[in-house]
Amino acid sequence: MDRTLTAERSWSNSKFVCALADSDRHLGHVIKDEKWHAYDATHLNEASQGFKYLGAFVAAAAGRRAVESSVEGVVPKKESWARAGGFAN
């Protein structure tokens, strides 16, 4: 398994699963079957029954980019949110 750093977030990559996380939580993942299926773990799907599905991709890198784009506005850490004017617990 390798780890690829993306700012304060990092990817953990294996042969069939790539998972994006920051120090507080899981943000999204890409899972391989015939294609790479990307999910945003910070938003619910339309039925509010699971993670938001972002689509199927031929390459893992494309799926990872879709996850990164979908969670781009998600504040990665409580400390970052507090610096941006939010309230930290």
Protein backbone atom coordinates (compact mmCIF):
# COMPACT_ATOMS: atom_id res chain seq x y z
CA MET A 1 0.00 0.00 0.00
CA ASP A 2 1.35 3.43 -0.83
CA ARG A 3 0.34 6.83 0.54
CA THR A 4 0.11 9.91 -1.66
CA LEU A 5 -0.05 13.28 0.08
CA THR A 6 -2.56 15.95 -1.02
CA ALA A 7 -2.14 19.09 1.16
CA GLU A 8 -3.42 18.11 4.64
CA ARG A 9 -5.19 15.10 3.17
CA SER A 10 -3.64 11.85 2.07
CA TRP A 11 -4.53 8.92 -0.16
CA SER A 12 -3.97 5.33 0.91
CA ASN A 13 -3.78 3.23 -2.24
CA SER A 14 -3.91 -0.53 -2.74
CA LYS A 15 -4.63 -2.76 -5.75
CA PHE A 16 -8.44 -2.46 -5.41
CA VAL A 17 -9.16 0.45 -3.03
CA CYS A 18 -7.99 4.06 -2.72
CA ALA A 19 -9.13 6.02 0.34
CA LEU A 20 -8.80 9.76 0.97
CA ALA A 21 -8.66 10.98 4.59
CA ASP A 22 -7.49 13.86 6.71
CA SER A 23 -6.49 13.66 10.36
CA ASP A 24 -10.14 13.70 11.49
CA ARG A 25 -12.11 11.55 9.07
CA HIS A 26 -12.56 9.49 5.93
CA LEU A 27 -13.41 11.81 2.99
CA GLY A 28 -13.96 9.46 0.07
CA HIS A 29 -12.85 6.35 -1.71
CA VAL A 30 -12.45 4.68 -5.09
CA ILE A 31 -13.15 0.95 -5.42
CA LYS A 32 -12.13 -1.33 -8.30
CA ASP A 33 -14.30 -3.97 -9.92
CA GLU A 34 -14.45 -3.83 -13.74
CA LYS A 35 -14.00 -0.04 -13.42
CA TRP A 36 -13.03 2.32 -10.60
CA HIS A 37 -16.13 3.54 -8.72
CA ALA A 38 -15.72 6.84 -6.85
CA TYR A 39 -17.64 7.89 -3.71
CA ASP A 40 -17.72 11.13 -1.72
CA ALA A 41 -17.98 10.13 1.96
CA THR A 42 -18.77 13.71 3.04
CA HIS A 43 -22.14 13.85 1.27
CA LEU A 44 -25.13 11.50 1.20
CA ASN A 45 -26.51 10.03 -1.99
CA GLU A 46 -29.89 11.25 -3.29
CA ALA A 47 -31.77 8.61 -1.26
CA SER A 48 -29.82 9.58 1.90
CA GLN A 49 -28.85 5.93 2.31
CA GLY A 50 -25.12 5.98 1.65
CA PHE A 51 -22.17 7.85 0.22
CA LYS A 52 -22.62 10.11 -2.81
CA TYR A 53 -21.70 8.14 -5.95
CA LEU A 54 -19.48 10.13 -8.31
CA GLY A 55 -19.28 7.71 -11.21
CA ALA A 56 -17.26 4.92 -12.81
CA PHE A 57 -13.81 5.57 -14.26
CA VAL A 58 -11.37 3.58 -16.38
CA ALA A 59 -8.36 4.79 -14.36
CA ALA A 60 -7.93 5.06 -10.59
CA ALA A 61 -6.34 8.50 -11.00
CA ALA A 62 -9.51 9.84 -12.66
CA GLY A 63 -11.63 8.47 -9.80
CA ARG A 64 -9.30 10.05 -7.24
CA ARG A 65 -9.57 13.40 -9.04
CA ALA A 66 -13.38 13.14 -8.92
CA VAL A 67 -13.29 12.55 -5.16
CA GLU A 68 -10.87 15.42 -4.62
CA SER A 69 -13.05 17.77 -6.67
CA SER A 70 -16.20 16.72 -4.81
CA VAL A 71 -14.71 17.22 -1.34
CA GLU A 72 -12.71 20.33 -2.28
CA GLY A 73 -14.88 22.67 -0.18
CA VAL A 74 -14.84 20.37 2.85
CA VAL A 75 -12.65 21.83 5.60
CA PRO A 76 -9.96 19.23 6.32
CA LYS A 77 -9.42 19.89 10.06
CA LYS A 78 -11.21 21.54 12.95
CA GLU A 79 -8.22 23.84 13.43
CA SER A 80 -8.44 24.99 9.79
CA TRP A 81 -12.15 25.66 10.19
CA ALA A 82 -11.47 27.72 13.33
CA ARG A 83 -8.85 29.79 11.47
CA ALA A 84 -11.44 30.40 8.74
CA GLY A 85 -13.83 31.94 11.28
CA GLY A 86 -15.77 28.84 12.33
CA PHE A 87 -16.29 27.46 15.80
CA ALA A 88 -14.00 24.72 17.09
CA ASN A 89 -14.95 22.29 19.85
